[in-house]
Structure formats: structure tokens, C-alpha cells
Amino acid sequence: MYTRVRKAREDMGYTRERFAEALDVSVSYLAELERGRTGMSVKMLVKICGVLGLSADYILFGDSRDGDALRLDKIRRVDKKYIPLLDRIIAELLLLSEK
């Protein structure tokens, strides 16, 4: 369970410091949590799921997630001011794919 949290954090591009800040916990607590040396409350599980866009099932049981779901989670985290840029990039990629 704890290694899934660390891997998901890394996959989402969060440093341990930035992730700890997003969860409003200390970096040392997060390090202990990721190493499995301390447990997590349900409240902390909910926070982690919210920040990483993961289900509690995945964190607790390791149900796999496909690449599309992970990609959508990343897109949802993009600052709203960059959405028009993201739309243009996707449109250009689609044009390239049609060639």
C-alpha cells in the first residue's frame, strides 16, 4: 500500500516536499508513511486519494489503473489557465496523426 502511494506521487511528478505540503503534513511524516513505518488514518487516505486522483481501492488493494485513467488524472490537475494551450496542443497532435 505505501509503495503505491510513493509510486503514484512520483508518477504525478510530485516531490516529497510538494506532496507533503499538498497534504498539509510534514515531510518526515510522509517519508515514514511511504516507507510503511507509520499508518495512515482514513482522513489521510482521503486526502491522498484527492491529491493524486486515485481511488481508495487502488491505494489499499492495488487494483491496477490503465494509462488513460492516469492521463486524465494528470489533465485534471493542469492549472485552468493552461487549458486553452492544452487544447491547442491536442488539436495539433490530432492533425499530425491524420497525416
PDB file of N, CA and C in Angstrom:
ATOM      1  N   MET A   1       0.833  -1.192   0.000  1.00  0.00           N
ATOM      2  CA  MET A   1       0.000   0.000   0.000  1.00  0.00           C
ATOM      3  C   MET A   1       0.877   1.254   0.000  1.00  0.00           C
ATOM      4  N   TYR A   2       1.887   1.294   0.825  1.00  0.00           N
ATOM      5  CA  TYR A   2       2.697   2.502   0.958  1.00  0.00           C
ATOM      6  C   TYR A   2       3.566   2.731  -0.274  1.00  0.00           C
ATOM      7  N   THR A   3       4.025   1.654  -0.875  1.00  0.00           N
ATOM      8  CA  THR A   3       4.819   1.815  -2.098  1.00  0.00           C
ATOM      9  C   THR A   3       3.949   2.329  -3.239  1.00  0.00           C
ATOM     10  N   ARG A   4       2.664   1.993  -3.234  1.00  0.00           N
ATOM     11  CA  ARG A   4       1.764   2.523  -4.268  1.00  0.00           C
ATOM     12  C   ARG A   4       1.597   4.032  -4.117  1.00  0.00           C
ATOM     13  N   VAL A   5       1.557   4.496  -2.871  1.00  0.00           N
ATOM     14  CA  VAL A   5       1.461   5.942  -2.644  1.00  0.00           C
ATOM     15  C   VAL A   5       2.710   6.624  -3.193  1.00  0.00           C
ATOM     16  N   ARG A   6       3.873   6.094  -2.862  1.00  0.00           N
ATOM     17  CA  ARG A   6       5.128   6.697  -3.329  1.00  0.00           C
ATOM     18  C   ARG A   6       5.212   6.673  -4.847  1.00  0.00           C
ATOM     19  N   LYS A   7       4.890   5.531  -5.454  1.00  0.00           N
ATOM     20  CA  LYS A   7       4.973   5.421  -6.904  1.00  0.00           C
ATOM     21  C   LYS A   7       3.990   6.367  -7.582  1.00  0.00           C
ATOM     22  N   ALA A   8       2.777   6.459  -7.070  1.00  0.00           N
ATOM     23  CA  ALA A   8       1.780   7.363  -7.648  1.00  0.00           C
ATOM     24  C   ALA A   8       2.234   8.811  -7.508  1.00  0.00           C
ATOM     25  N   ARG A   9       2.809   9.151  -6.365  1.00  0.00           N
ATOM     26  CA  ARG A   9       3.330  10.507  -6.153  1.00  0.00           C
ATOM     27  C   ARG A   9       4.397  10.825  -7.193  1.00  0.00           C
ATOM     28  N   GLU A  10       5.320   9.896  -7.375  1.00  0.00           N
ATOM     29  CA  GLU A  10       6.396  10.096  -8.342  1.00  0.00           C
ATOM     30  C   GLU A  10       5.850  10.165  -9.767  1.00  0.00           C
ATOM     31  N   ASP A  11       4.894   9.289 -10.091  1.00  0.00           N
ATOM     32  CA  ASP A  11       4.289   9.297 -11.432  1.00  0.00           C
ATOM     33  C   ASP A  11       3.590  10.616 -11.739  1.00  0.00           C
ATOM     34  N   MET A  12       3.041  11.242 -10.711  1.00  0.00           N
ATOM     35  CA  MET A  12       2.340  12.517 -10.892  1.00  0.00           C
ATOM     36  C   MET A  12       3.304  13.699 -10.869  1.00  0.00           C
ATOM     37  N   GLY A  13       4.575  13.426 -10.626  1.00  0.00           N
ATOM     38  CA  GLY A  13       5.577  14.490 -10.652  1.00  0.00           C
ATOM     39  C   GLY A  13       5.706  15.291  -9.372  1.00  0.00           C
ATOM     40  N   TYR A  14       5.142  14.791  -8.290  1.00  0.00           N
ATOM     41  CA  TYR A  14       5.262  15.480  -7.017  1.00  0.00           C
ATOM     42  C   TYR A  14       6.575  15.121  -6.334  1.00  0.00           C
ATOM     43  N   THR A  15       7.289  16.122  -5.856  1.00  0.00           N
ATOM     44  CA  THR A  15       8.394  15.841  -4.946  1.00  0.00           C
ATOM     45  C   THR A  15       7.769  15.494  -3.604  1.00  0.00           C
ATOM     46  N   ARG A  16       8.549  14.902  -2.744  1.00  0.00           N
ATOM     47  CA  ARG A  16       8.029  14.575  -1.417  1.00  0.00           C
ATOM     48  C   ARG A  16       7.637  15.855  -0.682  1.00  0.00           C
ATOM     49  N   GLU A  17       8.431  16.910  -0.860  1.00  0.00           N
ATOM     50  CA  GLU A  17       8.149  18.177  -0.190  1.00  0.00           C
ATOM     51  C   GLU A  17       6.838  18.787  -0.684  1.00  0.00           C
ATOM     52  N   ARG A  18       6.656  18.801  -1.989  1.00  0.00           N
ATOM     53  CA  ARG A  18       5.441  19.399  -2.559  1.00  0.00           C
ATOM     54  C   ARG A  18       4.202  18.578  -2.184  1.00  0.00           C
ATOM     55  N   PHE A  19       4.352  17.251  -2.188  1.00  0.00           N
ATOM     56  CA  PHE A  19       3.239  16.382  -1.832  1.00  0.00           C
ATOM     57  C   PHE A  19       2.872  16.562  -0.363  1.00  0.00           C
ATOM     58  N   ALA A  20       3.876  16.638   0.506  1.00  0.00           N
ATOM     59  CA  ALA A  20       3.621  16.852   1.932  1.00  0.00           C
ATOM     60  C   ALA A  20       2.891  18.178   2.146  1.00  0.00           C
ATOM     61  N   GLU A  21       3.292  19.192   1.397  1.00  0.00           N
ATOM     62  CA  GLU A  21       2.624  20.492   1.500  1.00  0.00           C
ATOM     63  C   GLU A  21       1.161  20.389   1.061  1.00  0.00           C
ATOM     64  N   ALA A  22       0.919  19.664  -0.033  1.00  0.00           N
ATOM     65  CA  ALA A  22      -0.454  19.500  -0.526  1.00  0.00           C
ATOM     66  C   ALA A  22      -1.323  18.750   0.481  1.00  0.00           C
ATOM     67  N   LEU A  23      -0.709  17.843   1.235  1.00  0.00           N
ATOM     68  CA  LEU A  23      -1.448  17.068   2.237  1.00  0.00           C
ATOM     69  C   LEU A  23      -1.487  17.761   3.593  1.00  0.00           C
ATOM     70  N   ASP A  24      -0.720  18.847   3.737  1.00  0.00           N
ATOM     71  CA  ASP A  24      -0.615  19.573   4.991  1.00  0.00           C
ATOM     72  C   ASP A  24      -0.053  18.691   6.105  1.00  0.00           C
ATOM     73  N   VAL A  25       1.041  17.984   5.759  1.00  0.00           N
ATOM     74  CA  VAL A  25       1.760  17.158   6.724  1.00  0.00           C
ATOM     75  C   VAL A  25       3.246  17.475   6.603  1.00  0.00           C
ATOM     76  N   SER A  26       4.024  16.988   7.553  1.00  0.00           N
ATOM     77  CA  SER A  26       5.470  17.204   7.489  1.00  0.00           C
ATOM     78  C   SER A  26       6.103  16.232   6.493  1.00  0.00           C
ATOM     79  N   VAL A  27       7.236  16.623   5.978  1.00  0.00           N
ATOM     80  CA  VAL A  27       7.972  15.768   5.049  1.00  0.00           C
ATOM     81  C   VAL A  27       8.412  14.491   5.768  1.00  0.00           C
ATOM     82  N   SER A  28       8.804  14.615   7.023  1.00  0.00           N
ATOM     83  CA  SER A  28       9.249  13.431   7.765  1.00  0.00           C
ATOM     84  C   SER A  28       8.097  12.449   7.969  1.00  0.00           C
ATOM     85  N   TYR A  29       6.889  12.955   8.241  1.00  0.00           N
ATOM     86  CA  TYR A  29       5.730  12.063   8.368  1.00  0.00           C
ATOM     87  C   TYR A  29       5.478  11.340   7.049  1.00  0.00           C
ATOM     88  N   LEU A  30       5.524  12.090   5.950  1.00  0.00           N
ATOM     89  CA  LEU A  30       5.283  11.491   4.640  1.00  0.00           C
ATOM     90  C   LEU A  30       6.337  10.429   4.322  1.00  0.00           C
ATOM     91  N   ALA A  31       7.585  10.701   4.643  1.00  0.00           N
ATOM     92  CA  ALA A  31       8.656   9.726   4.410  1.00  0.00           C
ATOM     93  C   ALA A  31       8.384   8.448   5.200  1.00  0.00           C
ATOM     94  N   GLU A  32       7.988   8.598   6.451  1.00  0.00           N
ATOM     95  CA  GLU A  32       7.675   7.431   7.277  1.00  0.00           C
ATOM     96  C   GLU A  32       6.469   6.679   6.715  1.00  0.00           C
ATOM     97  N   LEU A  33       5.486   7.396   6.231  1.00  0.00           N
ATOM     98  CA  LEU A  33       4.297   6.773   5.649  1.00  0.00           C
ATOM     99  C   LEU A  33       4.682   5.981   4.392  1.00  0.00           C
ATOM    100  N   GLU A  34       5.474   6.583   3.520  1.00  0.00           N
ATOM    101  CA  GLU A  34       5.868   5.913   2.278  1.00  0.00           C
ATOM    102  C   GLU A  34       6.755   4.697   2.526  1.00  0.00           C
ATOM    103  N   ARG A  35       7.441   4.683   3.633  1.00  0.00           N
ATOM    104  CA  ARG A  35       8.269   3.522   3.990  1.00  0.00           C
ATOM    105  C   ARG A  35       7.476   2.456   4.743  1.00  0.00           C
ATOM    106  N   GLY A  36       6.221   2.765   5.069  1.00  0.00           N
ATOM    107  CA  GLY A  36       5.386   1.809   5.787  1.00  0.00           C
ATOM    108  C   GLY A  36       5.688   1.743   7.262  1.00  0.00           C
ATOM    109  N   ARG A  37       6.362   2.745   7.791  1.00  0.00           N
ATOM    110  CA  ARG A  37       6.729   2.754   9.209  1.00  0.00           C
ATOM    111  C   ARG A  37       5.662   3.393  10.088  1.00  0.00           C
ATOM    112  N   THR A  38       4.699   4.039   9.453  1.00  0.00           N
ATOM    113  CA  THR A  38       3.592   4.628  10.200  1.00  0.00           C
ATOM    114  C   THR A  38       2.312   4.376   9.414  1.00  0.00           C
ATOM    115  N   GLY A  39       1.227   4.258  10.122  1.00  0.00           N
ATOM    116  CA  GLY A  39      -0.050   4.028   9.464  1.00  0.00           C
ATOM    117  C   GLY A  39      -0.666   5.335   8.998  1.00  0.00           C
ATOM    118  N   MET A  40      -1.776   5.198   8.291  1.00  0.00           N
ATOM    119  CA  MET A  40      -2.493   6.399   7.871  1.00  0.00           C
ATOM    120  C   MET A  40      -3.946   6.287   8.302  1.00  0.00           C
ATOM    121  N   SER A  41      -4.476   7.420   8.673  1.00  0.00           N
ATOM    122  CA  SER A  41      -5.890   7.468   9.061  1.00  0.00           C
ATOM    123  C   SER A  41      -6.747   7.466   7.801  1.00  0.00           C
ATOM    124  N   VAL A  42      -8.026   7.234   8.007  1.00  0.00           N
ATOM    125  CA  VAL A  42      -8.964   7.308   6.885  1.00  0.00           C
ATOM    126  C   VAL A  42      -8.949   8.720   6.310  1.00  0.00           C
ATOM    127  N   LYS A  43      -8.868   9.707   7.180  1.00  0.00           N
ATOM    128  CA  LYS A  43      -8.812  11.096   6.733  1.00  0.00           C
ATOM    129  C   LYS A  43      -7.603  11.323   5.825  1.00  0.00           C
ATOM    130  N   MET A  44      -6.445  10.777   6.202  1.00  0.00           N
ATOM    131  CA  MET A  44      -5.236  10.914   5.385  1.00  0.00           C
ATOM    132  C   MET A  44      -5.385  10.153   4.070  1.00  0.00           C
ATOM    133  N   LEU A  45      -5.994   8.988   4.109  1.00  0.00           N
ATOM    134  CA  LEU A  45      -6.238   8.218   2.885  1.00  0.00           C
ATOM    135  C   LEU A  45      -7.095   9.030   1.916  1.00  0.00           C
ATOM    136  N   VAL A  46      -8.119   9.679   2.428  1.00  0.00           N
ATOM    137  CA  VAL A  46      -8.999  10.503   1.593  1.00  0.00           C
ATOM    138  C   VAL A  46      -8.216  11.664   0.987  1.00  0.00           C
ATOM    139  N   LYS A  47      -7.357  12.302   1.783  1.00  0.00           N
ATOM    140  CA  LYS A  47      -6.535  13.404   1.270  1.00  0.00           C
ATOM    141  C   LYS A  47      -5.606  12.927   0.160  1.00  0.00           C
ATOM    142  N   ILE A  48      -4.948  11.804   0.389  1.00  0.00           N
ATOM    143  CA  ILE A  48      -4.016  11.260  -0.603  1.00  0.00           C
ATOM    144  C   ILE A  48      -4.754  10.939  -1.900  1.00  0.00           C
ATOM    145  N   CYS A  49      -5.902  10.303  -1.776  1.00  0.00           N
ATOM    146  CA  CYS A  49      -6.696   9.975  -2.964  1.00  0.00           C
ATOM    147  C   CYS A  49      -7.095  11.242  -3.718  1.00  0.00           C
ATOM    148  N   GLY A  50      -7.475  12.273  -2.980  1.00  0.00           N
ATOM    149  CA  GLY A  50      -7.884  13.524  -3.603  1.00  0.00           C
ATOM    150  C   GLY A  50      -6.744  14.211  -4.335  1.00  0.00           C
ATOM    151  N   VAL A  51      -5.594  14.269  -3.704  1.00  0.00           N
ATOM    152  CA  VAL A  51      -4.452  14.954  -4.312  1.00  0.00           C
ATOM    153  C   VAL A  51      -3.935  14.194  -5.525  1.00  0.00           C
ATOM    154  N   LEU A  52      -3.875  12.869  -5.424  1.00  0.00           N
ATOM    155  CA  LEU A  52      -3.324  12.069  -6.515  1.00  0.00           C
ATOM    156  C   LEU A  52      -4.372  11.623  -7.527  1.00  0.00           C
ATOM    157  N   GLY A  53      -5.646  11.850  -7.217  1.00  0.00           N
ATOM    158  CA  GLY A  53      -6.696  11.421  -8.132  1.00  0.00           C
ATOM    159  C   GLY A  53      -6.815   9.909  -8.221  1.00  0.00           C
ATOM    160  N   LEU A  54      -6.587   9.252  -7.103  1.00  0.00           N
ATOM    161  CA  LEU A  54      -6.642   7.792  -7.058  1.00  0.00           C
ATOM    162  C   LEU A  54      -7.835   7.333  -6.239  1.00  0.00           C
ATOM    163  N   SER A  55      -8.236   6.102  -6.478  1.00  0.00           N
ATOM    164  CA  SER A  55      -9.301   5.527  -5.660  1.00  0.00           C
ATOM    165  C   SER A  55      -8.685   4.898  -4.413  1.00  0.00           C
ATOM    166  N   ALA A  56      -9.483   4.826  -3.375  1.00  0.00           N
ATOM    167  CA  ALA A  56      -9.030   4.153  -2.161  1.00  0.00           C
ATOM    168  C   ALA A  56      -8.776   2.672  -2.444  1.00  0.00           C
ATOM    169  N   ASP A  57      -9.549   2.080  -3.356  1.00  0.00           N
ATOM    170  CA  ASP A  57      -9.321   0.679  -3.737  1.00  0.00           C
ATOM    171  C   ASP A  57      -7.908   0.483  -4.266  1.00  0.00           C
ATOM    172  N   TYR A  58      -7.469   1.426  -5.095  1.00  0.00           N
ATOM    173  CA  TYR A  58      -6.113   1.301  -5.646  1.00  0.00           C
ATOM    174  C   TYR A  58      -5.074   1.409  -4.537  1.00  0.00           C
ATOM    175  N   ILE A  59      -5.207   2.410  -3.677  1.00  0.00           N
ATOM    176  CA  ILE A  59      -4.236   2.593  -2.593  1.00  0.00           C
ATOM    177  C   ILE A  59      -4.217   1.373  -1.677  1.00  0.00           C
ATOM    178  N   LEU A  60      -5.407   0.900  -1.276  1.00  0.00           N
ATOM    179  CA  LEU A  60      -5.476  -0.190  -0.310  1.00  0.00           C
ATOM    180  C   LEU A  60      -5.178  -1.563  -0.898  1.00  0.00           C
ATOM    181  N   PHE A  61      -5.701  -1.815  -2.100  1.00  0.00           N
ATOM    182  CA  PHE A  61      -5.640  -3.176  -2.632  1.00  0.00           C
ATOM    183  C   PHE A  61      -4.815  -3.327  -3.901  1.00  0.00           C
ATOM    184  N   GLY A  62      -4.425  -2.217  -4.507  1.00  0.00           N
ATOM    185  CA  GLY A  62      -3.568  -2.296  -5.677  1.00  0.00           C
ATOM    186  C   GLY A  62      -4.280  -2.579  -6.978  1.00  0.00           C
ATOM    187  N   ASP A  63      -5.596  -2.351  -7.034  1.00  0.00           N
ATOM    188  CA  ASP A  63      -6.293  -2.533  -8.306  1.00  0.00           C
ATOM    189  C   ASP A  63      -5.611  -1.670  -9.341  1.00  0.00           C
ATOM    190  N   SER A  64      -5.253  -2.266 -10.458  1.00  0.00           N
ATOM    191  CA  SER A  64      -4.486  -1.531 -11.462  1.00  0.00           C
ATOM    192  C   SER A  64      -5.345  -0.487 -12.155  1.00  0.00           C
ATOM    193  N   ARG A  65      -4.680   0.545 -12.626  1.00  0.00           N
ATOM    194  CA  ARG A  65      -5.342   1.617 -13.364  1.00  0.00           C
ATOM    195  C   ARG A  65      -4.703   1.653 -14.739  1.00  0.00           C
ATOM    196  N   ASP A  66      -5.508   1.870 -15.746  1.00  0.00           N
ATOM    197  CA  ASP A  66      -4.948   1.917 -17.085  1.00  0.00           C
ATOM    198  C   ASP A  66      -4.348   3.288 -17.370  1.00  0.00           C
ATOM    199  N   GLY A  67      -3.559   3.363 -18.427  1.00  0.00           N
ATOM    200  CA  GLY A  67      -2.877   4.596 -18.791  1.00  0.00           C
ATOM    201  C   GLY A  67      -3.821   5.743 -19.054  1.00  0.00           C
ATOM    202  N   ASP A  68      -4.982   5.463 -19.646  1.00  0.00           N
ATOM    203  CA  ASP A  68      -5.937   6.534 -19.935  1.00  0.00           C
ATOM    204  C   ASP A  68      -6.435   7.197 -18.651  1.00  0.00           C
ATOM    205  N   ALA A  69      -6.709   6.411 -17.647  1.00  0.00           N
ATOM    206  CA  ALA A  69      -7.187   6.974 -16.384  1.00  0.00           C
ATOM    207  C   ALA A  69      -6.103   7.841 -15.739  1.00  0.00           C
ATOM    208  N   LEU A  70      -4.871   7.384 -15.788  1.00  0.00           N
ATOM    209  CA  LEU A  70      -3.773   8.178 -15.233  1.00  0.00           C
ATOM    210  C   LEU A  70      -3.590   9.471 -16.016  1.00  0.00           C
ATOM    211  N   ARG A  71      -3.703   9.388 -17.332  1.00  0.00           N
ATOM    212  CA  ARG A  71      -3.564  10.566 -18.185  1.00  0.00           C
ATOM    213  C   ARG A  71      -4.661  11.587 -17.860  1.00  0.00           C
ATOM    214  N   LEU A  72      -5.878  11.119 -17.705  1.00  0.00           N
ATOM    215  CA  LEU A  72      -6.985  12.019 -17.361  1.00  0.00           C
ATOM    216  C   LEU A  72      -6.772  12.679 -16.001  1.00  0.00           C
ATOM    217  N   ASP A  73      -6.254  11.921 -15.068  1.00  0.00           N
ATOM    218  CA  ASP A  73      -5.970  12.495 -13.754  1.00  0.00           C
ATOM    219  C   ASP A  73      -4.954  13.626 -13.871  1.00  0.00           C
ATOM    220  N   LYS A  74      -3.939  13.435 -14.685  1.00  0.00           N
ATOM    221  CA  LYS A  74      -2.934  14.485 -14.873  1.00  0.00           C
ATOM    222  C   LYS A  74      -3.552  15.712 -15.519  1.00  0.00           C
ATOM    223  N   ILE A  75      -4.395  15.506 -16.522  1.00  0.00           N
ATOM    224  CA  ILE A  75      -5.037  16.628 -17.209  1.00  0.00           C
ATOM    225  C   ILE A  75      -5.919  17.407 -16.236  1.00  0.00           C
ATOM    226  N   ARG A  76      -6.608  16.711 -15.361  1.00  0.00           N
ATOM    227  CA  ARG A  76      -7.475  17.380 -14.384  1.00  0.00           C
ATOM    228  C   ARG A  76      -6.695  18.273 -13.431  1.00  0.00           C
ATOM    229  N   ARG A  77      -5.421  17.992 -13.270  1.00  0.00           N
ATOM    230  CA  ARG A  77      -4.594  18.757 -12.344  1.00  0.00           C
ATOM    231  C   ARG A  77      -3.923  19.967 -12.994  1.00  0.00           C
ATOM    232  N   VAL A  78      -4.053  20.097 -14.303  1.00  0.00           N
ATOM    233  CA  VAL A  78      -3.461  21.232 -15.003  1.00  0.00           C
ATOM    234  C   VAL A  78      -4.186  22.509 -14.575  1.00  0.00           C
ATOM    235  N   ASP A  79      -3.422  23.523 -14.274  1.00  0.00           N
ATOM    236  CA  ASP A  79      -3.995  24.816 -13.910  1.00  0.00           C
ATOM    237  C   ASP A  79      -4.933  25.278 -15.025  1.00  0.00           C
ATOM    238  N   LYS A  80      -6.082  25.764 -14.652  1.00  0.00           N
ATOM    239  CA  LYS A  80      -7.126  26.135 -15.623  1.00  0.00           C
ATOM    240  C   LYS A  80      -6.641  27.153 -16.649  1.00  0.00           C
ATOM    241  N   LYS A  81      -5.683  27.975 -16.277  1.00  0.00           N
ATOM    242  CA  LYS A  81      -5.201  28.973 -17.226  1.00  0.00           C
ATOM    243  C   LYS A  81      -4.437  28.331 -18.387  1.00  0.00           C
ATOM    244  N   TYR A  82      -4.005  27.075 -18.234  1.00  0.00           N
ATOM    245  CA  TYR A  82      -3.275  26.386 -19.296  1.00  0.00           C
ATOM    246  C   TYR A  82      -4.161  25.488 -20.167  1.00  0.00           C
ATOM    247  N   ILE A  83      -5.434  25.394 -19.849  1.00  0.00           N
ATOM    248  CA  ILE A  83      -6.337  24.533 -20.624  1.00  0.00           C
ATOM    249  C   ILE A  83      -6.412  24.939 -22.091  1.00  0.00           C
ATOM    250  N   PRO A  84      -6.506  26.247 -22.425  1.00  0.00           N
ATOM    251  CA  PRO A  84      -6.514  26.601 -23.852  1.00  0.00           C
ATOM    252  C   PRO A  84      -5.240  26.133 -24.579  1.00  0.00           C
ATOM    253  N   LEU A  85      -4.107  26.238 -23.921  1.00  0.00           N
ATOM    254  CA  LEU A  85      -2.858  25.757 -24.513  1.00  0.00           C
ATOM    255  C   LEU A  85      -2.907  24.244 -24.699  1.00  0.00           C
ATOM    256  N   LEU A  86      -3.385  23.554 -23.705  1.00  0.00           N
ATOM    257  CA  LEU A  86      -3.516  22.100 -23.792  1.00  0.00           C
ATOM    258  C   LEU A  86      -4.442  21.710 -24.940  1.00  0.00           C
ATOM    259  N   ASP A  87      -5.548  22.434 -25.100  1.00  0.00           N
ATOM    260  CA  ASP A  87      -6.473  22.165 -26.211  1.00  0.00           C
ATOM    261  C   ASP A  87      -5.788  22.351 -27.557  1.00  0.00           C
ATOM    262  N   ARG A  88      -4.984  23.407 -27.676  1.00  0.00           N
ATOM    263  CA  ARG A  88      -4.270  23.644 -28.943  1.00  0.00           C
ATOM    264  C   ARG A  88      -3.252  22.546 -29.223  1.00  0.00           C
ATOM    265  N   ILE A  89      -2.550  22.110 -28.194  1.00  0.00           N
ATOM    266  CA  ILE A  89      -1.563  21.038 -28.363  1.00  0.00           C
ATOM    267  C   ILE A  89      -2.252  19.757 -28.815  1.00  0.00           C
ATOM    268  N   ILE A  90      -3.350  19.426 -28.197  1.00  0.00           N
ATOM    269  CA  ILE A  90      -4.089  18.216 -28.578  1.00  0.00           C
ATOM    270  C   ILE A  90      -4.580  18.326 -30.012  1.00  0.00           C
ATOM    271  N   ALA A  91      -5.090  19.486 -30.384  1.00  0.00           N
ATOM    272  CA  ALA A  91      -5.565  19.680 -31.764  1.00  0.00           C
ATOM    273  C   ALA A  91      -4.425  19.492 -32.759  1.00  0.00           C
ATOM    274  N   GLU A  92      -3.261  20.034 -32.460  1.00  0.00           N
ATOM    275  CA  GLU A  92      -2.095  19.881 -33.352  1.00  0.00           C
ATOM    276  C   GLU A  92      -1.661  18.421 -33.435  1.00  0.00           C
ATOM    277  N   LEU A  93      -1.671  17.733 -32.316  1.00  0.00           N
ATOM    278  CA  LEU A  93      -1.307  16.312 -32.324  1.00  0.00           C
ATOM    279  C   LEU A  93      -2.289  15.487 -33.152  1.00  0.00           C
ATOM    280  N   LEU A  94      -3.550  15.819 -33.049  1.00  0.00           N
ATOM    281  CA  LEU A  94      -4.561  15.107 -33.855  1.00  0.00           C
ATOM    282  C   LEU A  94      -4.333  15.355 -35.334  1.00  0.00           C
ATOM    283  N   LEU A  95      -3.987  16.595 -35.704  1.00  0.00           N
ATOM    284  CA  LEU A  95      -3.683  16.894 -37.103  1.00  0.00           C
ATOM    285  C   LEU A  95      -2.480  16.091 -37.588  1.00  0.00           C
ATOM    286  N   LEU A  96      -1.468  16.000 -36.772  1.00  0.00           N
ATOM    287  CA  LEU A  96      -0.283  15.215 -37.136  1.00  0.00           C
ATOM    288  C   LEU A  96      -0.623  13.731 -37.276  1.00  0.00           C
ATOM    289  N   SER A  97      -1.530  13.263 -36.458  1.00  0.00           N
ATOM    290  CA  SER A  97      -1.918  11.851 -36.500  1.00  0.00           C
ATOM    291  C   SER A  97      -2.697  11.507 -37.749  1.00  0.00           C
ATOM    292  N   GLU A  98      -3.371  12.498 -38.320  1.00  0.00           N
ATOM    293  CA  GLU A  98      -4.184  12.264 -39.508  1.00  0.00           C
ATOM    294  C   GLU A  98      -3.350  12.225 -40.780  1.00  0.00           C
ATOM    295  N   LYS A  99      -2.115  12.679 -40.714  1.00  0.00           N
ATOM    296  CA  LYS A  99      -1.253  12.715 -41.907  1.00  0.00           C
ATOM    297  C   LYS A  99      -0.719  11.356 -42.252  1.00  0.00           C
TER     298      LYS A  99
END
